[in-house]
């Protein structure tokens, strides 16, 4: 009998389009379909790290998934693509990245950035999306 192994993941979400909140909500809804015990920070804004002046809408999601890190990241990229993400564009419809997987920081650059730390602080403080 094969048992599905469950993994905890903390995921960073961002969007710099006018309808960023709607894009974040859609991505969260799609991640809820493949995960459980989902907790999401309240939404917040951060400036583009490139200094372009664009503002990103952000959230951090924590949950349990029955996929290994590679498979989960692949699903995240599938969600991005299906929502219209184009890597050649400075218009970021949605960006979804696993930052922590089973307690291990797998994207250390993101882990220290404001767009991630604010969301983690919100989760720790119980400032969650309704």
C-alpha atoms as a PDB file:
ATOM      1  CA  UNK A   1       0.000   0.000   0.000  1.00  0.00           C
ATOM      2  CA  UNK A   2       1.413   3.354  -1.050  1.00  0.00           C
ATOM      3  CA  UNK A   3       0.986   6.158   1.408  1.00  0.00           C
ATOM      4  CA  UNK A   4       1.140   9.742   0.311  1.00  0.00           C
ATOM      5  CA  UNK A   5       3.880  11.578   2.105  1.00  0.00           C
ATOM      6  CA  UNK A   6       2.852  14.980   3.366  1.00  0.00           C
ATOM      7  CA  UNK A   7       5.153  17.964   3.214  1.00  0.00           C
ATOM      8  CA  UNK A   8       4.887  21.398   4.769  1.00  0.00           C
ATOM      9  CA  UNK A   9       5.531  24.286   2.409  1.00  0.00           C
ATOM     10  CA  UNK A  10       5.649  28.041   2.796  1.00  0.00           C
ATOM     11  CA  UNK A  11       4.945  29.806  -0.476  1.00  0.00           C
ATOM     12  CA  UNK A  12       5.462  33.410  -1.537  1.00  0.00           C
ATOM     13  CA  UNK A  13       2.870  34.965  -3.863  1.00  0.00           C
ATOM     14  CA  UNK A  14       3.109  38.278  -5.681  1.00  0.00           C
ATOM     15  CA  UNK A  15       1.473  40.241  -8.478  1.00  0.00           C
ATOM     16  CA  UNK A  16       2.146  43.687  -9.922  1.00  0.00           C
ATOM     17  CA  UNK A  17      -0.977  44.102 -12.055  1.00  0.00           C
ATOM     18  CA  UNK A  18      -3.843  46.485 -11.273  1.00  0.00           C
ATOM     19  CA  UNK A  19      -6.025  43.570 -10.203  1.00  0.00           C
ATOM     20  CA  UNK A  20      -3.292  42.060  -7.981  1.00  0.00           C
ATOM     21  CA  UNK A  21      -5.689  41.150  -5.158  1.00  0.00           C
ATOM     22  CA  UNK A  22      -7.913  39.175  -7.527  1.00  0.00           C
ATOM     23  CA  UNK A  23      -4.863  37.376  -8.934  1.00  0.00           C
ATOM     24  CA  UNK A  24      -3.639  36.507  -5.433  1.00  0.00           C
ATOM     25  CA  UNK A  25      -7.084  35.209  -4.470  1.00  0.00           C
ATOM     26  CA  UNK A  26      -7.251  33.056  -7.612  1.00  0.00           C
ATOM     27  CA  UNK A  27      -3.791  31.572  -6.998  1.00  0.00           C
ATOM     28  CA  UNK A  28      -4.672  30.870  -3.354  1.00  0.00           C
ATOM     29  CA  UNK A  29      -7.905  29.141  -4.417  1.00  0.00           C
ATOM     30  CA  UNK A  30      -5.931  26.932  -6.811  1.00  0.00           C
ATOM     31  CA  UNK A  31      -3.335  26.074  -4.153  1.00  0.00           C
ATOM     32  CA  UNK A  32      -6.135  25.167  -1.727  1.00  0.00           C
ATOM     33  CA  UNK A  33      -7.208  22.484  -4.238  1.00  0.00           C
ATOM     34  CA  UNK A  34      -3.874  20.680  -3.923  1.00  0.00           C
ATOM     35  CA  UNK A  35      -3.079  21.336  -0.267  1.00  0.00           C
ATOM     36  CA  UNK A  36      -4.583  21.186   3.204  1.00  0.00           C
ATOM     37  CA  UNK A  37      -4.209  23.070   6.468  1.00  0.00           C
ATOM     38  CA  UNK A  38      -3.768  26.216   4.375  1.00  0.00           C
ATOM     39  CA  UNK A  39      -3.067  29.458   6.233  1.00  0.00           C
ATOM     40  CA  UNK A  40      -2.621  32.723   4.329  1.00  0.00           C
ATOM     41  CA  UNK A  41      -1.297  36.053   5.535  1.00  0.00           C
ATOM     42  CA  UNK A  42      -3.274  39.206   4.987  1.00  0.00           C
ATOM     43  CA  UNK A  43      -2.418  40.970   1.734  1.00  0.00           C
ATOM     44  CA  UNK A  44       0.199  43.729   1.733  1.00  0.00           C
ATOM     45  CA  UNK A  45       2.157  45.777  -0.792  1.00  0.00           C
ATOM     46  CA  UNK A  46       5.898  46.027  -1.384  1.00  0.00           C
ATOM     47  CA  UNK A  47       7.959  47.939  -3.950  1.00  0.00           C
ATOM     48  CA  UNK A  48       9.536  46.104  -6.878  1.00  0.00           C
ATOM     49  CA  UNK A  49      13.059  45.094  -5.805  1.00  0.00           C
ATOM     50  CA  UNK A  50      14.459  46.288  -9.145  1.00  0.00           C
ATOM     51  CA  UNK A  51      13.532  49.866  -8.283  1.00  0.00           C
ATOM     52  CA  UNK A  52      11.165  50.178 -11.255  1.00  0.00           C
ATOM     53  CA  UNK A  53       8.567  51.925  -9.113  1.00  0.00           C
ATOM     54  CA  UNK A  54       6.017  49.165  -9.604  1.00  0.00           C
ATOM     55  CA  UNK A  55       4.153  47.986  -6.541  1.00  0.00           C
ATOM     56  CA  UNK A  56       3.503  44.327  -5.828  1.00  0.00           C
ATOM     57  CA  UNK A  57       0.553  42.883  -3.994  1.00  0.00           C
ATOM     58  CA  UNK A  58       1.849  40.043  -1.825  1.00  0.00           C
ATOM     59  CA  UNK A  59       0.817  37.207   0.450  1.00  0.00           C
ATOM     60  CA  UNK A  60       2.483  34.224   2.078  1.00  0.00           C
ATOM     61  CA  UNK A  61       0.733  30.861   2.195  1.00  0.00           C
ATOM     62  CA  UNK A  62       1.602  27.961   4.484  1.00  0.00           C
ATOM     63  CA  UNK A  63       0.153  24.495   4.043  1.00  0.00           C
ATOM     64  CA  UNK A  64       0.560  20.753   3.768  1.00  0.00           C
ATOM     65  CA  UNK A  65       0.933  19.146   0.356  1.00  0.00           C
ATOM     66  CA  UNK A  66       1.098  15.551  -0.864  1.00  0.00           C
ATOM     67  CA  UNK A  67       3.797  16.431  -3.398  1.00  0.00           C
ATOM     68  CA  UNK A  68       7.579  16.538  -3.233  1.00  0.00           C
ATOM     69  CA  UNK A  69       9.277  19.920  -3.700  1.00  0.00           C
ATOM     70  CA  UNK A  70       9.952  19.471  -7.435  1.00  0.00           C
ATOM     71  CA  UNK A  71       6.379  18.373  -8.167  1.00  0.00           C
ATOM     72  CA  UNK A  72       4.876  21.153  -6.054  1.00  0.00           C
ATOM     73  CA  UNK A  73       7.045  23.804  -7.734  1.00  0.00           C
ATOM     74  CA  UNK A  74       5.990  22.406 -11.111  1.00  0.00           C
ATOM     75  CA  UNK A  75       2.326  22.751 -10.108  1.00  0.00           C
ATOM     76  CA  UNK A  76       2.988  26.321  -8.964  1.00  0.00           C
ATOM     77  CA  UNK A  77       4.495  27.151 -12.364  1.00  0.00           C
ATOM     78  CA  UNK A  78       1.514  25.466 -14.090  1.00  0.00           C
ATOM     79  CA  UNK A  79      -0.791  27.771 -12.094  1.00  0.00           C
ATOM     80  CA  UNK A  80       1.291  30.794 -13.090  1.00  0.00           C
ATOM     81  CA  UNK A  81       1.166  29.829 -16.776  1.00  0.00           C
ATOM     82  CA  UNK A  82      -2.563  29.113 -16.745  1.00  0.00           C
ATOM     83  CA  UNK A  83      -3.179  32.524 -15.140  1.00  0.00           C
ATOM     84  CA  UNK A  84      -1.246  34.286 -17.887  1.00  0.00           C
ATOM     85  CA  UNK A  85       2.279  34.662 -16.479  1.00  0.00           C
ATOM     86  CA  UNK A  86       4.824  35.432 -19.191  1.00  0.00           C
ATOM     87  CA  UNK A  87       8.463  35.496 -18.138  1.00  0.00           C
ATOM     88  CA  UNK A  88       9.313  37.902 -20.965  1.00  0.00           C
ATOM     89  CA  UNK A  89       7.029  40.583 -19.521  1.00  0.00           C
ATOM     90  CA  UNK A  90       7.614  43.061 -16.693  1.00  0.00           C
ATOM     91  CA  UNK A  91       3.895  42.706 -15.995  1.00  0.00           C
ATOM     92  CA  UNK A  92       3.764  39.914 -13.413  1.00  0.00           C
ATOM     93  CA  UNK A  93       0.225  38.524 -13.339  1.00  0.00           C
ATOM     94  CA  UNK A  94       1.213  36.077 -10.589  1.00  0.00           C
ATOM     95  CA  UNK A  95       4.469  34.805  -9.121  1.00  0.00           C
ATOM     96  CA  UNK A  96       4.369  31.700  -6.931  1.00  0.00           C
ATOM     97  CA  UNK A  97       7.537  30.340  -5.295  1.00  0.00           C
ATOM     98  CA  UNK A  98       8.163  27.788  -2.577  1.00  0.00           C
ATOM     99  CA  UNK A  99      10.502  29.443  -0.091  1.00  0.00           C
ATOM    100  CA  UNK A 100      10.512  26.860   2.735  1.00  0.00           C
ATOM    101  CA  UNK A 101       9.893  23.131   2.267  1.00  0.00           C
ATOM    102  CA  UNK A 102       9.746  20.733   5.223  1.00  0.00           C
ATOM    103  CA  UNK A 103      11.479  23.314   7.391  1.00  0.00           C
ATOM    104  CA  UNK A 104      14.357  23.860   4.956  1.00  0.00           C
ATOM    105  CA  UNK A 105      14.834  27.234   3.298  1.00  0.00           C
ATOM    106  CA  UNK A 106      15.096  26.415  -0.398  1.00  0.00           C
ATOM    107  CA  UNK A 107      15.067  30.019  -1.671  1.00  0.00           C
ATOM    108  CA  UNK A 108      17.366  31.882   0.732  1.00  0.00           C
ATOM    109  CA  UNK A 109      17.300  35.118  -1.294  1.00  0.00           C
ATOM    110  CA  UNK A 110      13.493  35.276  -1.048  1.00  0.00           C
ATOM    111  CA  UNK A 111      13.562  34.246   2.618  1.00  0.00           C
ATOM    112  CA  UNK A 112      15.318  37.467   3.587  1.00  0.00           C
ATOM    113  CA  UNK A 113      13.319  39.814   1.369  1.00  0.00           C
ATOM    114  CA  UNK A 114      10.619  42.144   2.646  1.00  0.00           C
ATOM    115  CA  UNK A 115       7.974  40.659   0.319  1.00  0.00           C
ATOM    116  CA  UNK A 116       8.367  37.358   2.196  1.00  0.00           C
ATOM    117  CA  UNK A 117       9.258  38.443   5.741  1.00  0.00           C
ATOM    118  CA  UNK A 118       6.199  40.683   6.089  1.00  0.00           C
ATOM    119  CA  UNK A 119       3.910  37.767   5.233  1.00  0.00           C
ATOM    120  CA  UNK A 120       5.691  35.416   7.619  1.00  0.00           C
ATOM    121  CA  UNK A 121       5.417  38.006  10.380  1.00  0.00           C
ATOM    122  CA  UNK A 122       1.690  38.361   9.619  1.00  0.00           C
ATOM    123  CA  UNK A 123       1.187  34.594   9.873  1.00  0.00           C
ATOM    124  CA  UNK A 124       3.098  34.435  13.169  1.00  0.00           C
ATOM    125  CA  UNK A 125       1.005  37.329  14.538  1.00  0.00           C
ATOM    126  CA  UNK A 126      -2.264  35.744  13.397  1.00  0.00           C
ATOM    127  CA  UNK A 127      -2.929  38.458  10.801  1.00  0.00           C
ATOM    128  CA  UNK A 128      -4.570  36.050   8.376  1.00  0.00           C
ATOM    129  CA  UNK A 129      -6.713  36.331   5.299  1.00  0.00           C
ATOM    130  CA  UNK A 130     -10.366  35.716   6.145  1.00  0.00           C
END
